[in-house]
């Protein structure tokens, strides 16, 4: 049972860490002005959108921007609490 708990804690920790790092650096570019971010991050987002043809990133429909705001104000703090709880 301890091995399963350790495995699940590791999975949740990695997922939460990715959300905590990626949300302010990449996802928030969809709803905040681009001049707030360093040029390499803006270029990386543009490269991703061009390579994969992700229309949500390029066109920024209203529902997608709303989901990003939910991620910023709800999911990211929850993931920070998860990281704190696991550590």
Protein backbone atom coordinates (compact mmCIF):
# COMPACT_ATOMS: atom_id res chain seq x y z
CA UNK A 1 0.00 0.00 0.00
CA UNK A 2 2.89 2.38 0.75
CA UNK A 3 4.29 1.97 -2.77
CA UNK A 4 0.96 2.90 -4.36
CA UNK A 5 0.67 5.98 -2.14
CA UNK A 6 4.22 7.01 -3.02
CA UNK A 7 3.50 6.55 -6.73
CA UNK A 8 0.30 8.62 -6.55
CA UNK A 9 2.03 11.32 -4.51
CA UNK A 10 4.79 11.48 -7.13
CA UNK A 11 2.29 11.78 -9.98
CA UNK A 12 0.30 14.51 -8.22
CA UNK A 13 3.53 16.32 -7.28
CA UNK A 14 4.80 16.36 -10.88
CA UNK A 15 1.39 17.45 -12.23
CA UNK A 16 1.12 20.22 -9.65
CA UNK A 17 4.67 21.38 -10.30
CA UNK A 18 4.02 21.64 -14.03
CA UNK A 19 0.82 23.66 -13.43
CA UNK A 20 2.55 25.99 -10.94
CA UNK A 21 5.38 26.70 -13.39
CA UNK A 22 3.51 26.74 -16.71
CA UNK A 23 0.51 28.83 -15.70
CA UNK A 24 2.27 32.15 -15.07
CA UNK A 25 4.86 31.65 -17.81
CA UNK A 26 2.86 30.27 -20.73
CA UNK A 27 -0.87 30.07 -20.12
CA UNK A 28 -1.30 33.58 -18.78
CA UNK A 29 -0.01 34.98 -22.08
CA UNK A 30 -3.45 34.27 -23.51
CA UNK A 31 -5.17 36.77 -21.23
CA UNK A 32 -2.48 39.31 -20.32
CA UNK A 33 -0.64 41.78 -22.61
CA UNK A 34 2.43 40.31 -24.29
CA UNK A 35 4.71 43.17 -23.22
CA UNK A 36 4.62 41.78 -19.67
CA UNK A 37 6.53 38.65 -20.71
CA UNK A 38 10.14 38.18 -21.82
CA UNK A 39 10.65 37.78 -25.57
CA UNK A 40 11.84 34.13 -25.37
CA UNK A 41 8.57 33.10 -23.68
CA UNK A 42 6.47 34.92 -26.26
CA UNK A 43 8.52 33.33 -29.05
CA UNK A 44 8.07 29.88 -27.49
CA UNK A 45 4.29 30.32 -27.37
CA UNK A 46 4.25 31.53 -30.98
CA UNK A 47 6.45 28.60 -32.03
CA UNK A 48 4.06 26.15 -30.34
CA UNK A 49 1.01 27.71 -31.98
CA UNK A 50 2.63 27.66 -35.42
CA UNK A 51 4.01 24.14 -35.12
CA UNK A 52 0.84 22.46 -33.87
CA UNK A 53 -1.72 24.79 -35.44
CA UNK A 54 -3.42 25.43 -32.11
CA UNK A 55 -6.20 27.85 -32.98
CA UNK A 56 -7.09 28.41 -29.31
CA UNK A 57 -3.71 29.97 -28.65
CA UNK A 58 -3.70 32.10 -31.78
CA UNK A 59 -7.34 33.24 -31.90
CA UNK A 60 -7.98 33.40 -28.12
CA UNK A 61 -11.75 32.76 -28.06
CA UNK A 62 -13.59 34.09 -25.02
CA UNK A 63 -14.32 30.70 -23.47
CA UNK A 64 -10.61 29.79 -23.64
CA UNK A 65 -9.58 33.03 -21.95
CA UNK A 66 -12.17 32.33 -19.26
CA UNK A 67 -10.71 28.87 -18.69
CA UNK A 68 -7.25 30.41 -18.33
CA UNK A 69 -8.58 32.82 -15.68
CA UNK A 70 -10.07 29.84 -13.82
CA UNK A 71 -6.71 28.12 -14.03
CA UNK A 72 -4.90 31.20 -12.71
CA UNK A 73 -7.25 31.92 -9.79
CA UNK A 74 -8.39 28.42 -8.81
CA UNK A 75 -6.20 25.62 -10.15
CA UNK A 76 -2.79 27.22 -9.55
CA UNK A 77 -3.40 28.00 -5.85
CA UNK A 78 -4.79 24.49 -5.42
CA UNK A 79 -1.63 23.04 -6.96
CA UNK A 80 0.53 25.19 -4.67
CA UNK A 81 -1.40 23.75 -1.71
CA UNK A 82 -0.89 20.23 -3.11
CA UNK A 83 2.85 20.80 -3.35
CA UNK A 84 2.95 22.13 0.19
CA UNK A 85 0.91 19.20 1.47
CA UNK A 86 3.05 16.58 -0.26
CA UNK A 87 6.34 18.13 0.82
